[in-house]
Amino acid sequence: MNEDTLQALAAFLMATSLTLLIFMLVARPPSRLENRLRDLAGKGTPIDPMEKFARSALPRMGAALMPDKPEQRTRLQARLIQAGLYSRQAIYYYLGVKLLLMVVPPMLGLAAAMFGLVPLGWGVIGGALCGVSGMIGPSFWLDRRKKARQMAFRRALPDALDVLVICLEGGLSLMAAFKRVAGELRTAHPPLAAELLIVEREVQLGRQTGEAMRQFGERADLEEVRNLASVITQSERFGASLVKALRVHAETLREKRLQHAEEMAQKAATKILFPTLIFIFPGVFIVILGPAVIRIMELLRGSGP
């Protein structure tokens, strides 16, 4: 066999294997339980193929990347929870998407090179680079989602504590105040409202209010919430005035929010310096010095022999 025949055979085998793998993952017949749940939820309405693929294939693919050590699994699960992904299957979906982003780009680059769309070297290098990006990209996305969620909590906590103080002064209990605050902030601050409802349900199940708030602080990985949990715990233990403590804590959080805004404003001047040097100054120099350079070149040509 010559080289072209081997390349065509390898491309055919690779495409056939990939198609067979996807078919085996997607075309699994639904179980009786899945059929029953589908009938109860949507009365037998068909499921979108992409949704079916995500439900059936991604958890299986994610199981291949599941860490062996319990500490690593616990650490990854904690990161997902801190990013707001509370589902038990979230870790499998996350690892499944990560595996897809790692495997598919190199295969596509190799297939493109086999069919002559791109040179072999470019296809392999491009696929490898995209695969490496797919390996580290989900982690950066997870960290970015976590930071955005923490920022939303920092912005919402002072307002929530103000409403909570008003409710407590009006005669409501702490749990009733949490429920009222969650209802009032559901439109303006949905993440915080959802977390307060979780705290309320945990207290209804028998957990202490301070402990429930401490768990909220662990889920959000936010020091402000941990301090709030300490304030509530100390007030419950020593019988201090919770209204006064919350009012002081709300004022402290408001000052921290103002300081953080000032810090971001100070950083903006430094961050805009590099885009200015890279993109704006060269254009300004061309506009200002371009005519002078052209004039000098004309003079040099005119003074030549």
Protein backbone atom coordinates (compact mmCIF):
# COMPACT_ATOMS: atom_id res chain seq x y z
CA MET A 1 0.00 0.00 0.00
CA ASN A 2 1.18 3.48 -0.79
CA GLU A 3 1.10 6.42 1.64
CA ASP A 4 -2.17 7.92 0.32
CA THR A 5 -4.01 4.63 0.75
CA LEU A 6 -2.79 4.26 4.35
CA GLN A 7 -3.85 7.79 5.19
CA ALA A 8 -7.31 7.27 3.71
CA LEU A 9 -7.70 3.96 5.59
CA ALA A 10 -6.61 5.56 8.88
CA ALA A 11 -9.05 8.46 8.42
CA PHE A 12 -11.88 6.03 7.61
CA LEU A 13 -11.17 3.90 10.69
CA MET A 14 -10.95 6.95 12.93
CA ALA A 15 -14.22 8.45 11.67
CA THR A 16 -15.99 5.08 11.93
CA SER A 17 -14.74 4.50 15.47
CA LEU A 18 -15.81 7.97 16.58
CA THR A 19 -19.28 7.52 15.04
CA LEU A 20 -19.67 4.11 16.68
CA LEU A 21 -18.59 5.49 20.07
CA ILE A 22 -21.11 8.33 19.93
CA PHE A 23 -23.85 5.94 18.81
CA MET A 24 -23.12 3.55 21.70
CA LEU A 25 -23.20 6.37 24.22
CA VAL A 26 -26.33 8.05 22.92
CA ALA A 27 -28.42 5.16 21.67
CA ARG A 28 -28.72 3.38 25.01
CA PRO A 29 -32.33 2.27 25.45
CA PRO A 30 -34.06 4.09 28.33
CA SER A 31 -34.81 2.12 31.44
CA ARG A 32 -38.28 1.59 32.88
CA LEU A 33 -37.60 4.19 35.55
CA GLU A 34 -36.58 6.80 32.97
CA ASN A 35 -39.69 6.08 30.90
CA ARG A 36 -41.89 6.39 33.98
CA LEU A 37 -40.28 9.67 35.05
CA ARG A 38 -40.60 11.03 31.52
CA ASP A 39 -44.29 10.11 31.47
CA LEU A 40 -44.88 11.80 34.81
CA ALA A 41 -42.93 14.94 33.91
CA GLY A 42 -43.91 15.58 30.32
CA LYS A 43 -46.45 12.90 29.44
CA GLY A 44 -44.13 11.17 27.03
CA THR A 45 -42.86 14.28 25.25
CA PRO A 46 -39.68 13.55 23.23
CA ILE A 47 -36.36 14.73 24.61
CA ASP A 48 -34.04 16.86 22.50
CA PRO A 49 -31.11 14.78 21.12
CA MET A 50 -28.51 17.17 22.56
CA GLU A 51 -30.20 17.02 25.97
CA LYS A 52 -30.29 13.24 25.74
CA PHE A 53 -26.58 13.21 24.89
CA ALA A 54 -25.80 15.46 27.86
CA ARG A 55 -27.82 13.33 30.25
CA SER A 56 -26.52 9.94 29.18
CA ALA A 57 -23.08 10.38 27.65
CA LEU A 58 -21.46 13.17 29.66
CA PRO A 59 -21.71 11.44 33.07
CA ARG A 60 -20.16 8.29 31.60
CA MET A 61 -17.37 10.24 29.99
CA GLY A 62 -16.80 12.22 33.19
CA ALA A 63 -16.43 9.01 35.18
CA ALA A 64 -13.25 8.29 33.20
CA LEU A 65 -11.63 11.44 34.62
CA MET A 66 -12.93 11.01 38.17
CA PRO A 67 -10.01 11.38 40.63
CA ASP A 68 -9.08 8.22 42.49
CA LYS A 69 -8.23 9.92 45.78
CA PRO A 70 -11.18 10.99 47.97
CA GLU A 71 -9.40 14.22 48.89
CA GLN A 72 -9.19 15.28 45.26
CA ARG A 73 -12.86 14.44 44.66
CA THR A 74 -13.87 16.38 47.75
CA ARG A 75 -11.79 19.37 46.67
CA LEU A 76 -13.31 19.37 43.18
CA GLN A 77 -16.82 18.99 44.59
CA ALA A 78 -16.17 21.93 46.92
CA ARG A 79 -15.04 24.07 43.97
CA LEU A 80 -18.20 23.22 42.06
CA ILE A 81 -20.37 24.09 45.06
CA GLN A 82 -18.54 27.38 45.56
CA ALA A 83 -19.26 28.16 41.90
CA GLY A 84 -22.98 27.55 42.50
CA LEU A 85 -23.23 24.06 40.93
CA TYR A 86 -25.07 22.08 43.60
CA SER A 87 -26.23 19.07 41.57
CA ARG A 88 -24.79 15.68 42.48
CA GLN A 89 -24.16 15.04 38.79
CA ALA A 90 -22.36 18.35 38.32
CA ILE A 91 -18.93 16.80 38.83
CA TYR A 92 -19.63 14.18 36.14
CA TYR A 93 -20.95 16.77 33.68
CA TYR A 94 -17.95 19.01 34.37
CA LEU A 95 -15.44 16.22 33.82
CA GLY A 96 -17.35 14.97 30.76
CA VAL A 97 -17.21 18.38 29.10
CA LYS A 98 -13.54 18.62 30.02
CA LEU A 99 -12.85 15.25 28.39
CA LEU A 100 -14.69 16.31 25.23
CA LEU A 101 -12.68 19.52 25.00
CA MET A 102 -9.47 17.54 25.46
CA VAL A 103 -10.14 14.74 22.96
CA VAL A 104 -12.26 16.22 20.17
CA PRO A 105 -9.93 19.05 18.97
CA PRO A 106 -6.89 16.78 18.38
CA MET A 107 -9.09 14.29 16.52
CA LEU A 108 -10.57 17.05 14.37
CA GLY A 109 -7.11 18.47 13.63
CA LEU A 110 -5.81 15.03 12.67
CA ALA A 111 -8.86 14.34 10.51
CA ALA A 112 -8.48 17.71 8.76
CA ALA A 113 -4.85 16.90 8.09
CA MET A 114 -5.72 13.42 6.78
CA PHE A 115 -8.25 14.81 4.31
CA GLY A 116 -5.78 17.43 3.09
CA LEU A 117 -7.63 20.47 4.44
CA VAL A 118 -4.56 21.64 6.36
CA PRO A 119 -0.93 20.50 6.46
CA LEU A 120 -0.26 17.61 8.80
CA GLY A 121 2.01 19.62 11.09
CA TRP A 122 -0.49 22.47 11.43
CA GLY A 123 -3.34 20.05 12.11
CA VAL A 124 -1.45 18.17 14.82
CA ILE A 125 -0.09 21.31 16.49
CA GLY A 126 -3.43 23.14 16.33
CA GLY A 127 -5.34 20.16 17.67
CA ALA A 128 -2.82 19.68 20.48
CA LEU A 129 -2.98 23.35 21.47
CA CYS A 130 -6.78 23.29 21.45
CA GLY A 131 -6.72 20.10 23.51
CA VAL A 132 -4.44 21.70 26.11
CA SER A 133 -6.73 24.73 26.18
CA GLY A 134 -9.69 22.41 26.71
CA MET A 135 -7.86 20.77 29.59
CA ILE A 136 -7.21 23.99 31.52
CA GLY A 137 -10.08 26.12 30.21
CA PRO A 138 -12.87 24.60 32.37
CA SER A 139 -10.84 25.27 35.51
CA PHE A 140 -10.48 28.96 34.61
CA TRP A 141 -14.22 29.09 33.83
CA LEU A 142 -14.99 27.59 37.23
CA ASP A 143 -12.79 30.12 39.04
CA ARG A 144 -14.34 32.98 37.09
CA ARG A 145 -17.85 31.81 37.94
CA LYS A 146 -16.89 31.55 41.61
CA LYS A 147 -15.46 35.09 41.67
CA ALA A 148 -18.55 36.50 39.95
CA ARG A 149 -20.76 34.78 42.51
CA GLN A 150 -18.70 36.10 45.42
CA MET A 151 -18.88 39.60 43.96
CA ALA A 152 -22.67 39.33 43.76
CA PHE A 153 -22.80 38.28 47.42
CA ARG A 154 -20.53 41.15 48.52
CA ARG A 155 -22.74 43.66 46.75
CA ALA A 156 -25.97 42.21 48.14
CA LEU A 157 -25.07 41.48 51.77
CA PRO A 158 -25.27 45.07 53.14
CA ASP A 159 -28.69 45.61 51.59
CA ALA A 160 -29.89 42.24 52.89
CA LEU A 161 -28.71 43.02 56.41
CA ASP A 162 -30.50 46.39 56.34
CA VAL A 163 -33.75 44.68 55.42
CA LEU A 164 -33.07 41.98 58.02
CA VAL A 165 -32.59 44.59 60.76
CA ILE A 166 -35.85 46.31 59.78
CA CYS A 167 -37.70 42.99 59.94
CA LEU A 168 -36.25 42.14 63.36
CA GLU A 169 -37.13 45.57 64.71
CA GLY A 170 -40.67 45.05 63.40
CA GLY A 171 -41.09 42.01 65.64
CA LEU A 172 -40.37 39.11 63.28
CA SER A 173 -38.32 36.15 64.38
CA LEU A 174 -34.95 35.51 62.78
CA MET A 175 -36.25 32.73 60.53
CA ALA A 176 -39.29 34.74 59.50
CA ALA A 177 -36.96 37.66 58.78
CA PHE A 178 -34.75 35.43 56.60
CA LYS A 179 -37.80 34.31 54.65
CA ARG A 180 -39.04 37.87 54.23
CA VAL A 181 -35.60 39.11 53.12
CA ALA A 182 -35.32 36.27 50.59
CA GLY A 183 -38.69 37.24 49.17
CA GLU A 184 -37.81 40.94 48.98
CA LEU A 185 -34.43 40.35 47.33
CA ARG A 186 -35.51 37.64 44.92
CA THR A 187 -35.60 40.07 42.01
CA ALA A 188 -32.63 42.29 42.84
CA HIS A 189 -30.24 39.63 44.20
CA PRO A 190 -31.39 36.11 43.20
CA PRO A 191 -28.25 34.18 44.36
CA LEU A 192 -28.39 35.59 47.88
CA ALA A 193 -32.14 35.04 48.10
CA ALA A 194 -31.70 31.39 47.13
CA GLU A 195 -28.97 30.91 49.74
CA LEU A 196 -31.11 32.48 52.47
CA LEU A 197 -33.91 30.05 51.63
CA ILE A 198 -31.43 27.19 51.96
CA VAL A 199 -30.41 28.54 55.38
CA GLU A 200 -34.06 28.74 56.43
CA ARG A 201 -34.71 25.14 55.40
CA GLU A 202 -31.62 23.90 57.24
CA VAL A 203 -32.80 25.63 60.41
CA GLN A 204 -36.24 24.07 60.00
CA LEU A 205 -34.54 20.68 59.84
CA GLY A 206 -32.94 21.26 63.24
CA ARG A 207 -29.64 23.01 62.59
CA GLN A 208 -28.65 26.07 64.59
CA THR A 209 -28.89 29.40 62.79
CA GLY A 210 -25.20 30.19 63.27
CA GLU A 211 -24.21 26.76 61.98
CA ALA A 212 -26.47 27.14 58.94
CA MET A 213 -24.91 30.50 58.18
CA ARG A 214 -21.46 29.01 58.60
CA GLN A 215 -22.35 26.37 56.01
CA PHE A 216 -23.48 29.20 53.74
CA GLY A 217 -20.06 30.78 54.22
CA GLU A 218 -18.38 27.49 53.25
CA ARG A 219 -20.56 27.15 50.14
CA ALA A 220 -19.72 30.69 49.08
CA ASP A 221 -16.11 30.65 50.38
CA LEU A 222 -16.70 34.20 51.59
CA GLU A 223 -15.16 35.67 54.74
CA GLU A 224 -17.96 38.22 55.15
CA VAL A 225 -20.55 35.43 55.51
CA ARG A 226 -18.34 33.56 57.99
CA ASN A 227 -18.08 36.72 60.09
CA LEU A 228 -21.85 37.11 59.93
CA ALA A 229 -22.25 33.52 61.13
CA SER A 230 -19.91 34.28 64.05
CA VAL A 231 -21.97 37.36 64.95
CA ILE A 232 -25.21 35.34 64.99
CA THR A 233 -23.60 32.51 66.95
CA GLN A 234 -22.21 34.85 69.61
CA SER A 235 -25.53 36.64 69.91
CA GLU A 236 -27.37 33.34 70.40
CA ARG A 237 -24.82 32.06 72.91
CA PHE A 238 -24.52 35.14 75.13
CA GLY A 239 -27.96 36.67 74.62
CA ALA A 240 -26.68 39.94 73.14
CA SER A 241 -28.84 42.18 71.02
CA LEU A 242 -28.85 40.71 67.54
CA VAL A 243 -30.30 43.87 65.99
CA LYS A 244 -27.42 46.04 67.17
CA ALA A 245 -24.84 43.47 66.12
CA LEU A 246 -26.34 43.13 62.65
CA ARG A 247 -26.56 46.90 62.24
CA VAL A 248 -22.87 47.30 63.09
CA HIS A 249 -21.95 44.39 60.83
CA ALA A 250 -23.98 45.88 57.96
CA GLU A 251 -22.13 49.17 58.35
CA THR A 252 -18.82 47.31 58.30
CA LEU A 253 -19.77 45.44 55.13
CA ARG A 254 -20.87 48.67 53.50
CA GLU A 255 -17.49 50.25 54.26
CA LYS A 256 -15.71 47.19 52.85
CA ARG A 257 -17.83 47.40 49.72
CA LEU A 258 -16.90 51.06 49.30
CA GLN A 259 -13.22 50.30 49.86
CA HIS A 260 -13.36 47.49 47.30
CA ALA A 261 -14.96 49.83 44.76
CA GLU A 262 -12.23 52.42 45.37
CA GLU A 263 -9.58 49.71 44.99
CA MET A 264 -11.03 48.63 41.65
CA ALA A 265 -11.15 52.25 40.51
CA GLN A 266 -7.47 52.69 41.39
CA LYS A 267 -6.57 49.52 39.50
CA ALA A 268 -8.42 50.71 36.39
CA ALA A 269 -5.79 53.38 35.65
CA THR A 270 -3.02 50.78 35.73
CA LYS A 271 -4.96 48.22 33.69
CA ILE A 272 -5.73 50.71 30.92
CA LEU A 273 -2.05 51.70 30.63
CA PHE A 274 -0.97 48.61 28.64
CA PRO A 275 -3.80 48.73 26.05
CA THR A 276 -3.03 52.40 25.62
CA LEU A 277 0.65 51.73 24.98
CA ILE A 278 -0.02 48.80 22.64
CA PHE A 279 -3.01 50.00 20.60
CA ILE A 280 -3.43 53.77 20.93
CA PHE A 281 0.07 55.25 21.03
CA PRO A 282 1.28 53.57 17.77
CA GLY A 283 -1.70 55.02 15.92
CA VAL A 284 -1.09 58.45 17.42
CA PHE A 285 2.59 58.31 16.47
CA ILE A 286 1.71 57.32 12.89
CA VAL A 287 -0.77 60.20 12.56
CA ILE A 288 1.62 62.77 14.06
CA LEU A 289 4.95 61.63 12.65
CA GLY A 290 3.75 60.12 9.38
CA PRO A 291 3.54 63.39 7.38
CA ALA A 292 6.90 64.54 8.76
CA VAL A 293 8.55 61.25 7.75
CA ILE A 294 7.06 61.49 4.25
CA ARG A 295 8.28 65.09 3.96
CA ILE A 296 11.79 64.17 5.06
CA MET A 297 11.92 61.30 2.56
CA GLU A 298 10.85 63.66 -0.25
CA LEU A 299 13.52 66.16 0.74
CA LEU A 300 16.17 63.44 0.82
CA ARG A 301 15.15 62.25 -2.64
CA GLY A 302 15.22 65.80 -3.99
CA SER A 303 18.68 66.45 -2.59
CA GLY A 304 20.12 63.27 -4.07
CA PRO A 305 22.43 63.19 -7.11
